[in-house]
Amino acid sequence: MCRPVALGRAAAAFVGLLELLLVMAILGAGTLTEPFALCLLAASVAIALRAAVVGCYPRTDRLFVRSWLRTSGIDREKILDVRVVAYSGFANRFSDSRFVSMVSLEVVGRRLPVELRFTADTPSRVRERAELLHEAVMRS
């Protein structure tokens, strides 16, 4: 079994910035006994915990994809290709980036590819991750 493909540096930086903004809002709220500060603290902890498990987990027959909001499984034999594409997501208002890339999976039965936005990183690092994922998923 292959090690999981986890957060890229760009995605981790975005999460770090979000965490910093949440901490600043908590500190600005005054005390931690206020409901607003407690909600922000809970959101910050939830994001940090989820960031620890976001990634692709190759298994013998399936590839499990844990994203920010859900976990899904894709049969390995249905994955046609693992590609590197320009990042397009929330951080850049869903326009193609020239400096950040991500991994994309071509899957049988899906009209659109499965974009793994959490792999956002520099093109060279994303190519390395895509090769690891390609070897893990495409081997017989």
N, C-alpha and C. Protein backbone atom coordinates (compact mmCIF):
# COMPACT_ATOMS: atom_id res chain seq x y z
N MET A 1 0.82 -1.18 0.00
CA MET A 1 0.00 0.00 0.00
C MET A 1 0.87 1.25 0.00
N CYS A 2 0.39 2.26 -0.67
CA CYS A 2 1.11 3.51 -0.81
C CYS A 2 0.72 4.48 0.31
N ARG A 3 1.62 5.38 0.65
CA ARG A 3 1.27 6.38 1.66
C ARG A 3 0.25 7.36 1.06
N PRO A 4 -0.56 7.99 1.90
CA PRO A 4 -1.59 8.88 1.39
C PRO A 4 -1.00 10.15 0.77
N VAL A 5 -1.74 10.70 -0.18
CA VAL A 5 -1.40 11.99 -0.77
C VAL A 5 -2.22 13.02 -0.01
N ALA A 6 -1.55 13.93 0.69
CA ALA A 6 -2.25 14.85 1.59
C ALA A 6 -2.21 16.27 1.05
N LEU A 7 -2.39 17.22 1.95
CA LEU A 7 -2.47 18.63 1.59
C LEU A 7 -1.20 19.11 0.90
N GLY A 8 -1.40 19.91 -0.14
CA GLY A 8 -0.29 20.59 -0.77
C GLY A 8 0.06 21.84 0.02
N ARG A 9 1.20 22.45 -0.29
CA ARG A 9 1.62 23.64 0.45
C ARG A 9 0.66 24.80 0.28
N ALA A 10 0.13 25.01 -0.92
CA ALA A 10 -0.80 26.12 -1.13
C ALA A 10 -2.08 25.92 -0.32
N ALA A 11 -2.59 24.69 -0.31
CA ALA A 11 -3.79 24.40 0.48
C ALA A 11 -3.50 24.54 1.97
N ALA A 12 -2.34 24.08 2.41
CA ALA A 12 -1.98 24.22 3.82
C ALA A 12 -1.80 25.68 4.21
N ALA A 13 -1.24 26.49 3.31
CA ALA A 13 -1.09 27.92 3.58
C ALA A 13 -2.46 28.59 3.69
N PHE A 14 -3.38 28.19 2.83
CA PHE A 14 -4.73 28.75 2.89
C PHE A 14 -5.40 28.39 4.22
N VAL A 15 -5.25 27.15 4.66
CA VAL A 15 -5.81 26.72 5.95
C VAL A 15 -5.13 27.48 7.08
N GLY A 16 -3.82 27.66 7.00
CA GLY A 16 -3.11 28.41 8.02
C GLY A 16 -3.59 29.84 8.11
N LEU A 17 -3.83 30.47 6.96
CA LEU A 17 -4.35 31.83 6.95
C LEU A 17 -5.75 31.88 7.56
N LEU A 18 -6.57 30.91 7.23
CA LEU A 18 -7.91 30.85 7.81
C LEU A 18 -7.84 30.68 9.32
N GLU A 19 -6.95 29.81 9.78
CA GLU A 19 -6.77 29.60 11.22
C GLU A 19 -6.30 30.89 11.90
N LEU A 20 -5.37 31.60 11.27
CA LEU A 20 -4.88 32.86 11.82
C LEU A 20 -6.00 33.89 11.94
N LEU A 21 -6.83 33.98 10.90
CA LEU A 21 -7.96 34.92 10.94
C LEU A 21 -8.95 34.55 12.05
N LEU A 22 -9.19 33.25 12.22
CA LEU A 22 -10.09 32.82 13.28
C LEU A 22 -9.52 33.14 14.66
N VAL A 23 -8.22 32.92 14.85
CA VAL A 23 -7.59 33.23 16.14
C VAL A 23 -7.65 34.73 16.41
N MET A 24 -7.41 35.54 15.37
CA MET A 24 -7.50 36.99 15.54
C MET A 24 -8.92 37.41 15.92
N ALA A 25 -9.91 36.78 15.32
CA ALA A 25 -11.30 37.10 15.66
C ALA A 25 -11.62 36.67 17.09
N ILE A 26 -11.08 35.52 17.50
CA ILE A 26 -11.31 35.06 18.88
C ILE A 26 -10.69 36.04 19.87
N LEU A 27 -9.46 36.46 19.59
CA LEU A 27 -8.79 37.41 20.48
C LEU A 27 -9.51 38.76 20.50
N GLY A 28 -10.05 39.15 19.36
CA GLY A 28 -10.78 40.41 19.28
C GLY A 28 -12.12 40.36 19.96
N ALA A 29 -12.65 39.17 20.17
CA ALA A 29 -13.97 39.03 20.81
C ALA A 29 -13.90 39.28 22.31
N GLY A 30 -12.72 39.31 22.86
CA GLY A 30 -12.60 39.58 24.29
C GLY A 30 -12.32 38.31 25.08
N THR A 31 -13.32 37.76 25.70
CA THR A 31 -13.14 36.57 26.52
C THR A 31 -13.68 35.34 25.80
N LEU A 32 -13.21 34.20 26.22
CA LEU A 32 -13.67 32.95 25.61
C LEU A 32 -15.03 32.49 26.13
N THR A 33 -15.61 33.24 27.03
CA THR A 33 -16.93 32.85 27.56
C THR A 33 -18.07 33.41 26.71
N GLU A 34 -17.75 34.27 25.74
CA GLU A 34 -18.78 34.80 24.86
C GLU A 34 -19.13 33.74 23.81
N PRO A 35 -20.40 33.65 23.42
CA PRO A 35 -20.81 32.63 22.43
C PRO A 35 -20.10 32.77 21.09
N PHE A 36 -19.88 33.99 20.62
CA PHE A 36 -19.21 34.21 19.34
C PHE A 36 -17.79 33.65 19.38
N ALA A 37 -17.07 33.95 20.44
CA ALA A 37 -15.69 33.46 20.57
C ALA A 37 -15.66 31.94 20.67
N LEU A 38 -16.60 31.34 21.38
CA LEU A 38 -16.66 29.88 21.48
C LEU A 38 -16.96 29.23 20.13
N CYS A 39 -17.84 29.84 19.35
CA CYS A 39 -18.15 29.31 18.01
C CYS A 39 -16.93 29.38 17.10
N LEU A 40 -16.21 30.50 17.15
CA LEU A 40 -15.00 30.63 16.35
C LEU A 40 -13.93 29.62 16.78
N LEU A 41 -13.80 29.43 18.08
CA LEU A 41 -12.84 28.45 18.59
C LEU A 41 -13.21 27.04 18.13
N ALA A 42 -14.49 26.69 18.19
CA ALA A 42 -14.94 25.37 17.73
C ALA A 42 -14.68 25.20 16.24
N ALA A 43 -14.94 26.23 15.44
CA ALA A 43 -14.69 26.16 14.00
C ALA A 43 -13.21 25.99 13.72
N SER A 44 -12.38 26.71 14.46
CA SER A 44 -10.94 26.62 14.28
C SER A 44 -10.42 25.22 14.60
N VAL A 45 -10.90 24.65 15.69
CA VAL A 45 -10.48 23.29 16.07
C VAL A 45 -10.98 22.27 15.03
N ALA A 46 -12.21 22.43 14.55
CA ALA A 46 -12.76 21.50 13.55
C ALA A 46 -11.95 21.55 12.26
N ILE A 47 -11.57 22.74 11.82
CA ILE A 47 -10.77 22.87 10.59
C ILE A 47 -9.40 22.23 10.78
N ALA A 48 -8.78 22.47 11.92
CA ALA A 48 -7.46 21.88 12.18
C ALA A 48 -7.52 20.36 12.23
N LEU A 49 -8.55 19.80 12.85
CA LEU A 49 -8.69 18.34 12.93
C LEU A 49 -8.96 17.74 11.55
N ARG A 50 -9.80 18.38 10.76
CA ARG A 50 -10.11 17.84 9.44
C ARG A 50 -8.90 17.93 8.52
N ALA A 51 -8.10 19.00 8.66
CA ALA A 51 -6.91 19.14 7.83
C ALA A 51 -5.94 17.98 8.03
N ALA A 52 -5.97 17.38 9.21
CA ALA A 52 -5.07 16.27 9.50
C ALA A 52 -5.41 15.00 8.72
N VAL A 53 -6.66 14.87 8.26
CA VAL A 53 -7.06 13.64 7.57
C VAL A 53 -7.45 13.86 6.11
N VAL A 54 -7.41 15.10 5.63
CA VAL A 54 -7.72 15.36 4.22
C VAL A 54 -6.65 14.72 3.35
N GLY A 55 -7.06 13.99 2.32
CA GLY A 55 -6.09 13.37 1.43
C GLY A 55 -6.67 12.22 0.64
N CYS A 56 -5.82 11.56 -0.15
CA CYS A 56 -6.18 10.37 -0.93
C CYS A 56 -5.54 9.16 -0.27
N TYR A 57 -6.34 8.13 -0.08
CA TYR A 57 -5.86 6.93 0.59
C TYR A 57 -6.07 5.72 -0.32
N PRO A 58 -5.02 5.30 -1.04
CA PRO A 58 -5.15 4.13 -1.92
C PRO A 58 -5.27 2.85 -1.10
N ARG A 59 -6.25 2.03 -1.44
CA ARG A 59 -6.43 0.72 -0.84
C ARG A 59 -6.35 -0.31 -1.97
N THR A 60 -6.53 -1.56 -1.65
CA THR A 60 -6.35 -2.60 -2.65
C THR A 60 -7.33 -2.48 -3.82
N ASP A 61 -8.60 -2.15 -3.55
CA ASP A 61 -9.59 -2.09 -4.62
C ASP A 61 -10.20 -0.71 -4.84
N ARG A 62 -9.99 0.21 -3.90
CA ARG A 62 -10.60 1.55 -3.99
C ARG A 62 -9.59 2.63 -3.63
N LEU A 63 -9.89 3.83 -4.09
CA LEU A 63 -9.17 5.02 -3.68
C LEU A 63 -10.14 5.85 -2.87
N PHE A 64 -9.82 6.06 -1.59
CA PHE A 64 -10.66 6.89 -0.74
C PHE A 64 -10.16 8.32 -0.79
N VAL A 65 -11.08 9.24 -1.06
CA VAL A 65 -10.76 10.66 -1.15
C VAL A 65 -11.48 11.36 0.00
N ARG A 66 -10.68 11.87 0.93
CA ARG A 66 -11.24 12.63 2.05
C ARG A 66 -11.00 14.10 1.76
N SER A 67 -12.05 14.82 1.42
CA SER A 67 -11.93 16.25 1.19
C SER A 67 -12.39 16.99 2.42
N TRP A 68 -12.57 18.29 2.31
CA TRP A 68 -12.93 19.09 3.47
C TRP A 68 -14.31 18.76 4.00
N LEU A 69 -15.25 18.44 3.10
CA LEU A 69 -16.62 18.27 3.55
C LEU A 69 -17.13 16.84 3.49
N ARG A 70 -16.50 15.98 2.69
CA ARG A 70 -17.02 14.62 2.59
C ARG A 70 -15.91 13.63 2.22
N THR A 71 -16.23 12.37 2.41
CA THR A 71 -15.33 11.28 2.05
C THR A 71 -16.03 10.43 1.02
N SER A 72 -15.32 10.08 -0.05
CA SER A 72 -15.90 9.23 -1.08
C SER A 72 -14.88 8.18 -1.51
N GLY A 73 -15.38 7.12 -2.10
CA GLY A 73 -14.52 6.05 -2.59
C GLY A 73 -14.71 5.87 -4.08
N ILE A 74 -13.62 5.64 -4.78
CA ILE A 74 -13.65 5.42 -6.23
C ILE A 74 -12.99 4.08 -6.50
N ASP A 75 -13.68 3.20 -7.24
CA ASP A 75 -13.09 1.93 -7.61
C ASP A 75 -11.84 2.18 -8.46
N ARG A 76 -10.75 1.49 -8.14
CA ARG A 76 -9.49 1.72 -8.85
C ARG A 76 -9.60 1.41 -10.33
N GLU A 77 -10.38 0.39 -10.68
CA GLU A 77 -10.47 0.04 -12.11
C GLU A 77 -11.25 1.07 -12.91
N LYS A 78 -11.98 1.96 -12.25
CA LYS A 78 -12.73 3.01 -12.95
C LYS A 78 -11.90 4.27 -13.18
N ILE A 79 -10.73 4.35 -12.57
CA ILE A 79 -9.86 5.51 -12.76
C ILE A 79 -9.05 5.32 -14.04
N LEU A 80 -9.29 6.19 -15.01
CA LEU A 80 -8.61 6.10 -16.29
C LEU A 80 -7.25 6.78 -16.31
N ASP A 81 -7.17 7.94 -15.64
CA ASP A 81 -5.94 8.71 -15.69
C ASP A 81 -5.83 9.63 -14.48
N VAL A 82 -4.60 9.94 -14.13
CA VAL A 82 -4.29 10.91 -13.08
C VAL A 82 -3.54 12.03 -13.77
N ARG A 83 -4.08 13.25 -13.70
CA ARG A 83 -3.51 14.38 -14.43
C ARG A 83 -3.18 15.54 -13.50
N VAL A 84 -2.30 16.39 -13.98
CA VAL A 84 -2.00 17.66 -13.32
C VAL A 84 -2.69 18.76 -14.10
N VAL A 85 -3.50 19.55 -13.42
CA VAL A 85 -4.23 20.65 -14.07
C VAL A 85 -4.01 21.93 -13.27
N ALA A 86 -4.34 23.05 -13.87
CA ALA A 86 -4.22 24.34 -13.19
C ALA A 86 -5.24 24.40 -12.06
N TYR A 87 -4.82 24.94 -10.90
CA TYR A 87 -5.73 25.05 -9.76
C TYR A 87 -6.87 26.00 -10.10
N SER A 88 -8.06 25.57 -9.75
CA SER A 88 -9.25 26.39 -9.91
C SER A 88 -10.12 26.08 -8.71
N GLY A 89 -10.26 27.05 -7.80
CA GLY A 89 -11.04 26.79 -6.60
C GLY A 89 -11.43 28.05 -5.88
N PHE A 90 -11.85 27.87 -4.64
CA PHE A 90 -12.36 28.96 -3.83
C PHE A 90 -11.33 30.08 -3.66
N ALA A 91 -10.07 29.71 -3.50
CA ALA A 91 -9.02 30.70 -3.22
C ALA A 91 -8.81 31.68 -4.36
N ASN A 92 -9.10 31.28 -5.60
CA ASN A 92 -8.93 32.20 -6.74
C ASN A 92 -10.23 32.38 -7.53
N ARG A 93 -11.35 32.26 -6.85
CA ARG A 93 -12.69 32.45 -7.42
C ARG A 93 -12.94 31.57 -8.65
N PHE A 94 -12.42 30.34 -8.60
CA PHE A 94 -12.65 29.31 -9.61
C PHE A 94 -12.18 29.71 -11.01
N SER A 95 -11.10 30.48 -11.07
CA SER A 95 -10.46 30.76 -12.35
C SER A 95 -9.14 29.99 -12.37
N ASP A 96 -8.64 29.67 -13.55
CA ASP A 96 -7.41 28.88 -13.66
C ASP A 96 -6.20 29.68 -13.19
N SER A 97 -5.38 29.06 -12.36
CA SER A 97 -4.17 29.69 -11.85
C SER A 97 -2.99 29.36 -12.75
N ARG A 98 -2.09 30.32 -12.90
CA ARG A 98 -0.88 30.07 -13.68
C ARG A 98 0.25 29.54 -12.81
N PHE A 99 0.13 29.71 -11.49
CA PHE A 99 1.24 29.40 -10.60
C PHE A 99 0.98 28.20 -9.69
N VAL A 100 -0.27 27.79 -9.57
CA VAL A 100 -0.63 26.70 -8.67
C VAL A 100 -1.35 25.63 -9.47
N SER A 101 -1.01 24.37 -9.21
CA SER A 101 -1.63 23.23 -9.89
C SER A 101 -2.30 22.32 -8.87
N MET A 102 -3.07 21.35 -9.38
CA MET A 102 -3.71 20.35 -8.53
C MET A 102 -3.85 19.06 -9.33
N VAL A 103 -4.17 17.98 -8.63
CA VAL A 103 -4.35 16.68 -9.26
C VAL A 103 -5.81 16.52 -9.67
N SER A 104 -6.02 15.91 -10.82
CA SER A 104 -7.36 15.65 -11.34
C SER A 104 -7.44 14.18 -11.76
N LEU A 105 -8.56 13.53 -11.47
CA LEU A 105 -8.75 12.12 -11.83
C LEU A 105 -9.82 11.98 -12.90
N GLU A 106 -9.49 11.28 -13.97
CA GLU A 106 -10.48 10.93 -15.00
C GLU A 106 -11.11 9.61 -14.58
N VAL A 107 -12.44 9.61 -14.41
CA VAL A 107 -13.14 8.44 -13.89
C VAL A 107 -14.22 8.02 -14.88
N VAL A 108 -14.33 6.70 -15.12
CA VAL A 108 -15.36 6.14 -15.99
C VAL A 108 -16.74 6.48 -15.41
N GLY A 109 -17.64 6.93 -16.26
CA GLY A 109 -19.00 7.21 -15.84
C GLY A 109 -19.22 8.61 -15.32
N ARG A 110 -18.16 9.40 -15.26
CA ARG A 110 -18.29 10.80 -14.82
C ARG A 110 -17.97 11.71 -15.99
N ARG A 111 -18.85 12.67 -16.19
CA ARG A 111 -18.66 13.62 -17.29
C ARG A 111 -17.51 14.58 -16.97
N LEU A 112 -17.44 15.01 -15.72
CA LEU A 112 -16.38 15.91 -15.28
C LEU A 112 -15.35 15.15 -14.46
N PRO A 113 -14.08 15.56 -14.52
CA PRO A 113 -13.06 14.88 -13.71
C PRO A 113 -13.24 15.20 -12.23
N VAL A 114 -12.66 14.34 -11.39
CA VAL A 114 -12.65 14.56 -9.95
C VAL A 114 -11.42 15.41 -9.65
N GLU A 115 -11.65 16.66 -9.24
CA GLU A 115 -10.54 17.57 -8.96
C GLU A 115 -10.20 17.52 -7.48
N LEU A 116 -8.95 17.27 -7.19
CA LEU A 116 -8.48 17.17 -5.81
C LEU A 116 -7.85 18.51 -5.43
N ARG A 117 -8.69 19.46 -5.08
CA ARG A 117 -8.22 20.82 -4.79
C ARG A 117 -7.27 20.89 -3.60
N PHE A 118 -7.38 19.94 -2.69
CA PHE A 118 -6.51 19.95 -1.52
C PHE A 118 -5.07 19.62 -1.87
N THR A 119 -4.79 19.19 -3.09
CA THR A 119 -3.41 18.91 -3.51
C THR A 119 -2.73 20.15 -4.08
N ALA A 120 -3.35 21.32 -3.98
CA ALA A 120 -2.82 22.55 -4.56
C ALA A 120 -1.39 22.82 -4.09
N ASP A 121 -0.51 23.02 -5.07
CA ASP A 121 0.89 23.26 -4.78
C ASP A 121 1.55 23.75 -6.07
N THR A 122 2.88 23.89 -6.04
CA THR A 122 3.60 24.28 -7.25
C THR A 122 3.49 23.15 -8.28
N PRO A 123 3.56 23.48 -9.56
CA PRO A 123 3.41 22.44 -10.59
C PRO A 123 4.38 21.26 -10.44
N SER A 124 5.63 21.53 -10.06
CA SER A 124 6.60 20.42 -9.93
C SER A 124 6.23 19.49 -8.78
N ARG A 125 5.80 20.04 -7.65
CA ARG A 125 5.41 19.20 -6.51
C ARG A 125 4.13 18.43 -6.82
N VAL A 126 3.21 19.06 -7.53
CA VAL A 126 1.97 18.36 -7.88
C VAL A 126 2.26 17.22 -8.86
N ARG A 127 3.19 17.43 -9.78
CA ARG A 127 3.58 16.34 -10.69
C ARG A 127 4.12 15.15 -9.90
N GLU A 128 4.94 15.40 -8.88
CA GLU A 128 5.47 14.32 -8.04
C GLU A 128 4.34 13.57 -7.34
N ARG A 129 3.38 14.31 -6.78
CA ARG A 129 2.24 13.68 -6.10
C ARG A 129 1.38 12.90 -7.08
N ALA A 130 1.19 13.47 -8.28
CA ALA A 130 0.38 12.79 -9.28
C ALA A 130 1.04 11.48 -9.72
N GLU A 131 2.37 11.49 -9.84
CA GLU A 131 3.08 10.26 -10.20
C GLU A 131 2.92 9.20 -9.10
N LEU A 132 3.05 9.61 -7.84
CA LEU A 132 2.85 8.67 -6.74
C LEU A 132 1.45 8.09 -6.76
N LEU A 133 0.46 8.96 -6.96
CA LEU A 133 -0.92 8.51 -7.00
C LEU A 133 -1.17 7.63 -8.21
N HIS A 134 -0.59 7.98 -9.35
CA HIS A 134 -0.74 7.18 -10.57
C HIS A 134 -0.19 5.77 -10.36
N GLU A 135 0.99 5.68 -9.76
CA GLU A 135 1.59 4.37 -9.49
C GLU A 135 0.75 3.56 -8.52
N ALA A 136 0.21 4.21 -7.50
CA ALA A 136 -0.59 3.51 -6.50
C ALA A 136 -1.93 3.04 -7.06
N VAL A 137 -2.53 3.82 -7.93
CA VAL A 137 -3.87 3.53 -8.43
C VAL A 137 -3.83 2.64 -9.67
N MET A 138 -2.89 2.87 -10.56
CA MET A 138 -2.90 2.17 -11.84
C MET A 138 -2.20 0.83 -11.84
N ARG A 139 -1.46 0.53 -10.79
CA ARG A 139 -0.80 -0.79 -10.78
C ARG A 139 -1.83 -1.90 -10.61
N SER A 140 -1.54 -3.03 -11.15
CA SER A 140 -2.48 -4.15 -11.12
C SER A 140 -2.42 -4.89 -9.81
